[in-house]
Amino acid sequence: MQWIAETLRVFGFINREHLERKFGISQPQASADLNAFMRDNPAAMTYDLSAKRYVADRLDKRRS
């Protein structure tokens, strides 16, 4: 979960493929991990349907 937060902070977005490549996990596991992160950190990111990726919430980025 810390890697997701750091990736959002540095790049401003993340998607399932990032997790799949970094950790060698399946697409369903990557989705579950991102959903768990969103559940635990609801203000950290939102899903951009057109880009098919999670983007960092700008307000949350200012806090770091």
PDB file of N, CA and C in Angstrom:
ATOM      1  N   MET A   1       0.814  -1.196   0.000  1.00  0.00           N
ATOM      2  CA  MET A   1       0.000   0.000   0.000  1.00  0.00           C
ATOM      3  C   MET A   1       0.858   1.261   0.000  1.00  0.00           C
ATOM      4  N   GLN A   2       1.994   1.189   0.642  1.00  0.00           N
ATOM      5  CA  GLN A   2       2.878   2.348   0.667  1.00  0.00           C
ATOM      6  C   GLN A   2       3.390   2.662  -0.738  1.00  0.00           C
ATOM      7  N   TRP A   3       3.646   1.627  -1.539  1.00  0.00           N
ATOM      8  CA  TRP A   3       4.132   1.842  -2.900  1.00  0.00           C
ATOM      9  C   TRP A   3       3.071   2.556  -3.732  1.00  0.00           C
ATOM     10  N   ILE A   4       1.799   2.213  -3.530  1.00  0.00           N
ATOM     11  CA  ILE A   4       0.710   2.890  -4.246  1.00  0.00           C
ATOM     12  C   ILE A   4       0.710   4.374  -3.878  1.00  0.00           C
ATOM     13  N   ALA A   5       0.791   4.678  -2.600  1.00  0.00           N
ATOM     14  CA  ALA A   5       0.796   6.071  -2.143  1.00  0.00           C
ATOM     15  C   ALA A   5       1.980   6.830  -2.726  1.00  0.00           C
ATOM     16  N   GLU A   6       3.141   6.209  -2.738  1.00  0.00           N
ATOM     17  CA  GLU A   6       4.340   6.873  -3.262  1.00  0.00           C
ATOM     18  C   GLU A   6       4.223   7.107  -4.762  1.00  0.00           C
ATOM     19  N   THR A   7       3.697   6.138  -5.491  1.00  0.00           N
ATOM     20  CA  THR A   7       3.516   6.292  -6.938  1.00  0.00           C
ATOM     21  C   THR A   7       2.544   7.414  -7.238  1.00  0.00           C
ATOM     22  N   LEU A   8       1.459   7.498  -6.484  1.00  0.00           N
ATOM     23  CA  LEU A   8       0.515   8.603  -6.656  1.00  0.00           C
ATOM     24  C   LEU A   8       1.176   9.947  -6.372  1.00  0.00           C
ATOM     25  N   ARG A   9       1.984   9.983  -5.335  1.00  0.00           N
ATOM     26  CA  ARG A   9       2.633  11.241  -4.970  1.00  0.00           C
ATOM     27  C   ARG A   9       3.626  11.685  -6.045  1.00  0.00           C
ATOM     28  N   VAL A  10       4.405  10.752  -6.567  1.00  0.00           N
ATOM     29  CA  VAL A  10       5.446  11.088  -7.533  1.00  0.00           C
ATOM     30  C   VAL A  10       4.886  11.340  -8.931  1.00  0.00           C
ATOM     31  N   PHE A  11       4.026  10.444  -9.404  1.00  0.00           N
ATOM     32  CA  PHE A  11       3.557  10.523 -10.787  1.00  0.00           C
ATOM     33  C   PHE A  11       2.164  11.119 -10.937  1.00  0.00           C
ATOM     34  N   GLY A  12       1.378  11.102  -9.867  1.00  0.00           N
ATOM     35  CA  GLY A  12       0.034  11.664  -9.936  1.00  0.00           C
ATOM     36  C   GLY A  12      -1.025  10.707 -10.428  1.00  0.00           C
ATOM     37  N   PHE A  13      -0.639   9.478 -10.765  1.00  0.00           N
ATOM     38  CA  PHE A  13      -1.611   8.485 -11.213  1.00  0.00           C
ATOM     39  C   PHE A  13      -1.034   7.086 -11.052  1.00  0.00           C
ATOM     40  N   ILE A  14      -1.926   6.104 -11.138  1.00  0.00           N
ATOM     41  CA  ILE A  14      -1.529   4.695 -11.079  1.00  0.00           C
ATOM     42  C   ILE A  14      -2.637   3.872 -11.734  1.00  0.00           C
ATOM     43  N   ASN A  15      -2.283   2.709 -12.270  1.00  0.00           N
ATOM     44  CA  ASN A  15      -3.306   1.793 -12.784  1.00  0.00           C
ATOM     45  C   ASN A  15      -2.930   0.356 -12.423  1.00  0.00           C
ATOM     46  N   ARG A  16      -3.794  -0.562 -12.772  1.00  0.00           N
ATOM     47  CA  ARG A  16      -3.565  -1.969 -12.423  1.00  0.00           C
ATOM     48  C   ARG A  16      -2.269  -2.505 -13.012  1.00  0.00           C
ATOM     49  N   GLU A  17      -1.981  -2.089 -14.238  1.00  0.00           N
ATOM     50  CA  GLU A  17      -0.784  -2.602 -14.906  1.00  0.00           C
ATOM     51  C   GLU A  17       0.492  -2.260 -14.138  1.00  0.00           C
ATOM     52  N   HIS A  18       0.521  -1.110 -13.498  1.00  0.00           N
ATOM     53  CA  HIS A  18       1.692  -0.758 -12.694  1.00  0.00           C
ATOM     54  C   HIS A  18       1.935  -1.808 -11.611  1.00  0.00           C
ATOM     55  N   LEU A  19       0.868  -2.183 -10.921  1.00  0.00           N
ATOM     56  CA  LEU A  19       0.995  -3.186  -9.861  1.00  0.00           C
ATOM     57  C   LEU A  19       1.333  -4.560 -10.427  1.00  0.00           C
ATOM     58  N   GLU A  20       0.697  -4.910 -11.544  1.00  0.00           N
ATOM     59  CA  GLU A  20       0.950  -6.207 -12.164  1.00  0.00           C
ATOM     60  C   GLU A  20       2.428  -6.358 -12.535  1.00  0.00           C
ATOM     61  N   ARG A  21       2.994  -5.324 -13.131  1.00  0.00           N
ATOM     62  CA  ARG A  21       4.401  -5.386 -13.551  1.00  0.00           C
ATOM     63  C   ARG A  21       5.369  -5.322 -12.368  1.00  0.00           C
ATOM     64  N   LYS A  22       5.081  -4.431 -11.426  1.00  0.00           N
ATOM     65  CA  LYS A  22       5.990  -4.244 -10.286  1.00  0.00           C
ATOM     66  C   LYS A  22       6.065  -5.494  -9.412  1.00  0.00           C
ATOM     67  N   PHE A  23       4.897  -6.098  -9.140  1.00  0.00           N
ATOM     68  CA  PHE A  23       4.838  -7.191  -8.173  1.00  0.00           C
ATOM     69  C   PHE A  23       4.537  -8.553  -8.788  1.00  0.00           C
ATOM     70  N   GLY A  24       4.321  -8.603 -10.102  1.00  0.00           N
ATOM     71  CA  GLY A  24       4.043  -9.878 -10.758  1.00  0.00           C
ATOM     72  C   GLY A  24       2.738 -10.511 -10.305  1.00  0.00           C
ATOM     73  N   ILE A  25       1.736  -9.674 -10.074  1.00  0.00           N
ATOM     74  CA  ILE A  25       0.442 -10.170  -9.599  1.00  0.00           C
ATOM     75  C   ILE A  25      -0.582 -10.174 -10.732  1.00  0.00           C
ATOM     76  N   SER A  26      -1.684 -10.859 -10.505  1.00  0.00           N
ATOM     77  CA  SER A  26      -2.740 -10.947 -11.504  1.00  0.00           C
ATOM     78  C   SER A  26      -3.561  -9.655 -11.541  1.00  0.00           C
ATOM     79  N   GLN A  27      -4.313  -9.501 -12.622  1.00  0.00           N
ATOM     80  CA  GLN A  27      -5.181  -8.325 -12.760  1.00  0.00           C
ATOM     81  C   GLN A  27      -6.219  -8.267 -11.639  1.00  0.00           C
ATOM     82  N   PRO A  28      -6.878  -9.386 -11.292  1.00  0.00           N
ATOM     83  CA  PRO A  28      -7.826  -9.321 -10.177  1.00  0.00           C
ATOM     84  C   PRO A  28      -7.172  -8.926  -8.851  1.00  0.00           C
ATOM     85  N   GLN A  29      -5.949  -9.393  -8.609  1.00  0.00           N
ATOM     86  CA  GLN A  29      -5.259  -9.020  -7.377  1.00  0.00           C
ATOM     87  C   GLN A  29      -4.900  -7.540  -7.382  1.00  0.00           C
ATOM     88  N   ALA A  30      -4.453  -7.029  -8.530  1.00  0.00           N
ATOM     89  CA  ALA A  30      -4.139  -5.597  -8.641  1.00  0.00           C
ATOM     90  C   ALA A  30      -5.381  -4.756  -8.376  1.00  0.00           C
ATOM     91  N   SER A  31      -6.515  -5.180  -8.920  1.00  0.00           N
ATOM     92  CA  SER A  31      -7.772  -4.463  -8.680  1.00  0.00           C
ATOM     93  C   SER A  31      -8.136  -4.496  -7.205  1.00  0.00           C
ATOM     94  N   ALA A  32      -7.989  -5.649  -6.590  1.00  0.00           N
ATOM     95  CA  ALA A  32      -8.307  -5.783  -5.166  1.00  0.00           C
ATOM     96  C   ALA A  32      -7.401  -4.889  -4.323  1.00  0.00           C
ATOM     97  N   ASP A  33      -6.122  -4.827  -4.664  1.00  0.00           N
ATOM     98  CA  ASP A  33      -5.181  -3.982  -3.919  1.00  0.00           C
ATOM     99  C   ASP A  33      -5.536  -2.504  -4.058  1.00  0.00           C
ATOM    100  N   LEU A  34      -5.871  -2.074  -5.272  1.00  0.00           N
ATOM    101  CA  LEU A  34      -6.249  -0.674  -5.482  1.00  0.00           C
ATOM    102  C   LEU A  34      -7.551  -0.344  -4.755  1.00  0.00           C
ATOM    103  N   ASN A  35      -8.496  -1.268  -4.786  1.00  0.00           N
ATOM    104  CA  ASN A  35      -9.760  -1.048  -4.070  1.00  0.00           C
ATOM    105  C   ASN A  35      -9.530  -0.984  -2.557  1.00  0.00           C
ATOM    106  N   ALA A  36      -8.658  -1.824  -2.048  1.00  0.00           N
ATOM    107  CA  ALA A  36      -8.342  -1.786  -0.616  1.00  0.00           C
ATOM    108  C   ALA A  36      -7.674  -0.465  -0.251  1.00  0.00           C
ATOM    109  N   PHE A  37      -6.780   0.007  -1.114  1.00  0.00           N
ATOM    110  CA  PHE A  37      -6.124   1.296  -0.861  1.00  0.00           C
ATOM    111  C   PHE A  37      -7.159   2.421  -0.844  1.00  0.00           C
ATOM    112  N   MET A  38      -8.089   2.390  -1.811  1.00  0.00           N
ATOM    113  CA  MET A  38      -9.141   3.419  -1.851  1.00  0.00           C
ATOM    114  C   MET A  38     -10.032   3.359  -0.615  1.00  0.00           C
ATOM    115  N   ARG A  39     -10.329   2.158  -0.164  1.00  0.00           N
ATOM    116  CA  ARG A  39     -11.160   1.997   1.029  1.00  0.00           C
ATOM    117  C   ARG A  39     -10.467   2.595   2.256  1.00  0.00           C
ATOM    118  N   ASP A  40      -9.166   2.361   2.371  1.00  0.00           N
ATOM    119  CA  ASP A  40      -8.408   2.855   3.519  1.00  0.00           C
ATOM    120  C   ASP A  40      -8.010   4.321   3.394  1.00  0.00           C
ATOM    121  N   ASN A  41      -7.974   4.838   2.172  1.00  0.00           N
ATOM    122  CA  ASN A  41      -7.549   6.219   1.903  1.00  0.00           C
ATOM    123  C   ASN A  41      -8.518   6.867   0.911  1.00  0.00           C
ATOM    124  N   PRO A  42      -9.768   7.081   1.297  1.00  0.00           N
ATOM    125  CA  PRO A  42     -10.788   7.521   0.337  1.00  0.00           C
ATOM    126  C   PRO A  42     -10.507   8.867  -0.334  1.00  0.00           C
ATOM    127  N   ALA A  43      -9.732   9.724   0.284  1.00  0.00           N
ATOM    128  CA  ALA A  43      -9.454  11.038  -0.307  1.00  0.00           C
ATOM    129  C   ALA A  43      -8.173  11.053  -1.135  1.00  0.00           C
ATOM    130  N   ALA A  44      -7.478   9.945  -1.226  1.00  0.00           N
ATOM    131  CA  ALA A  44      -6.172   9.927  -1.889  1.00  0.00           C
ATOM    132  C   ALA A  44      -6.263   9.913  -3.406  1.00  0.00           C
ATOM    133  N   MET A  45      -7.290   9.267  -3.970  1.00  0.00           N
ATOM    134  CA  MET A  45      -7.358   9.149  -5.420  1.00  0.00           C
ATOM    135  C   MET A  45      -8.787   8.925  -5.889  1.00  0.00           C
ATOM    136  N   THR A  46      -8.999   9.207  -7.166  1.00  0.00           N
ATOM    137  CA  THR A  46     -10.271   8.944  -7.820  1.00  0.00           C
ATOM    138  C   THR A  46      -9.984   8.234  -9.133  1.00  0.00           C
ATOM    139  N   TYR A  47     -10.982   7.533  -9.656  1.00  0.00           N
ATOM    140  CA  TYR A  47     -10.794   6.806 -10.905  1.00  0.00           C
ATOM    141  C   TYR A  47     -11.217   7.677 -12.072  1.00  0.00           C
ATOM    142  N   ASP A  48     -10.326   7.816 -13.054  1.00  0.00           N
ATOM    143  CA  ASP A  48     -10.606   8.568 -14.272  1.00  0.00           C
ATOM    144  C   ASP A  48     -11.045   7.565 -15.335  1.00  0.00           C
ATOM    145  N   LEU A  49     -12.349   7.537 -15.630  1.00  0.00           N
ATOM    146  CA  LEU A  49     -12.889   6.566 -16.578  1.00  0.00           C
ATOM    147  C   LEU A  49     -12.296   6.720 -17.976  1.00  0.00           C
ATOM    148  N   SER A  50     -12.102   7.936 -18.430  1.00  0.00           N
ATOM    149  CA  SER A  50     -11.595   8.125 -19.788  1.00  0.00           C
ATOM    150  C   SER A  50     -10.134   7.689 -19.919  1.00  0.00           C
ATOM    151  N   ALA A  51      -9.330   7.899 -18.892  1.00  0.00           N
ATOM    152  CA  ALA A  51      -7.924   7.501 -18.933  1.00  0.00           C
ATOM    153  C   ALA A  51      -7.713   6.077 -18.418  1.00  0.00           C
ATOM    154  N   LYS A  52      -8.725   5.508 -17.791  1.00  0.00           N
ATOM    155  CA  LYS A  52      -8.654   4.167 -17.212  1.00  0.00           C
ATOM    156  C   LYS A  52      -7.498   4.045 -16.225  1.00  0.00           C
ATOM    157  N   ARG A  53      -7.438   5.019 -15.313  1.00  0.00           N
ATOM    158  CA  ARG A  53      -6.411   5.002 -14.279  1.00  0.00           C
ATOM    159  C   ARG A  53      -6.895   5.783 -13.068  1.00  0.00           C
ATOM    160  N   TYR A  54      -6.241   5.531 -11.951  1.00  0.00           N
ATOM    161  CA  TYR A  54      -6.533   6.269 -10.727  1.00  0.00           C
ATOM    162  C   TYR A  54      -5.633   7.494 -10.698  1.00  0.00           C
ATOM    163  N   VAL A  55      -6.210   8.639 -10.369  1.00  0.00           N
ATOM    164  CA  VAL A  55      -5.431   9.877 -10.303  1.00  0.00           C
ATOM    165  C   VAL A  55      -5.431  10.390  -8.875  1.00  0.00           C
ATOM    166  N   ALA A  56      -4.307  10.972  -8.494  1.00  0.00           N
ATOM    167  CA  ALA A  56      -4.166  11.508  -7.143  1.00  0.00           C
ATOM    168  C   ALA A  56      -5.114  12.673  -6.968  1.00  0.00           C
ATOM    169  N   ASP A  57      -5.721  12.727  -5.806  1.00  0.00           N
ATOM    170  CA  ASP A  57      -6.569  13.857  -5.468  1.00  0.00           C
ATOM    171  C   ASP A  57      -5.663  15.054  -5.195  1.00  0.00           C
ATOM    172  N   ARG A  58      -5.891  16.149  -5.868  1.00  0.00           N
ATOM    173  CA  ARG A  58      -5.013  17.324  -5.729  1.00  0.00           C
ATOM    174  C   ARG A  58      -4.954  17.841  -4.306  1.00  0.00           C
ATOM    175  N   LEU A  59      -6.065  17.823  -3.600  1.00  0.00           N
ATOM    176  CA  LEU A  59      -6.063  18.293  -2.204  1.00  0.00           C
ATOM    177  C   LEU A  59      -5.183  17.401  -1.351  1.00  0.00           C
ATOM    178  N   ASP A  60      -5.240  16.091  -1.597  1.00  0.00           N
ATOM    179  CA  ASP A  60      -4.427  15.160  -0.824  1.00  0.00           C
ATOM    180  C   ASP A  60      -2.944  15.360  -1.124  1.00  0.00           C
ATOM    181  N   LYS A  61      -2.579  15.663  -2.362  1.00  0.00           N
ATOM    182  CA  LYS A  61      -1.178  15.888  -2.724  1.00  0.00           C
ATOM    183  C   LYS A  61      -0.599  17.085  -1.998  1.00  0.00           C
ATOM    184  N   ARG A  62      -1.401  18.113  -1.760  1.00  0.00           N
ATOM    185  CA  ARG A  62      -0.908  19.315  -1.079  1.00  0.00           C
ATOM    186  C   ARG A  62      -0.554  19.042   0.365  1.00  0.00           C
ATOM    187  N   ARG A  63      -1.189  18.045   0.973  1.00  0.00           N
ATOM    188  CA  ARG A  63      -0.940  17.724   2.368  1.00  0.00           C
ATOM    189  C   ARG A  63       0.418  17.065   2.587  1.00  0.00           C
ATOM    190  N   SER A  64       0.984  16.444   1.530  1.00  0.00           N
ATOM    191  CA  SER A  64       2.233  15.710   1.720  1.00  0.00           C
ATOM    192  C   SER A  64       3.452  16.585   1.627  1.00  0.00           C
TER     193      SER A  64
END
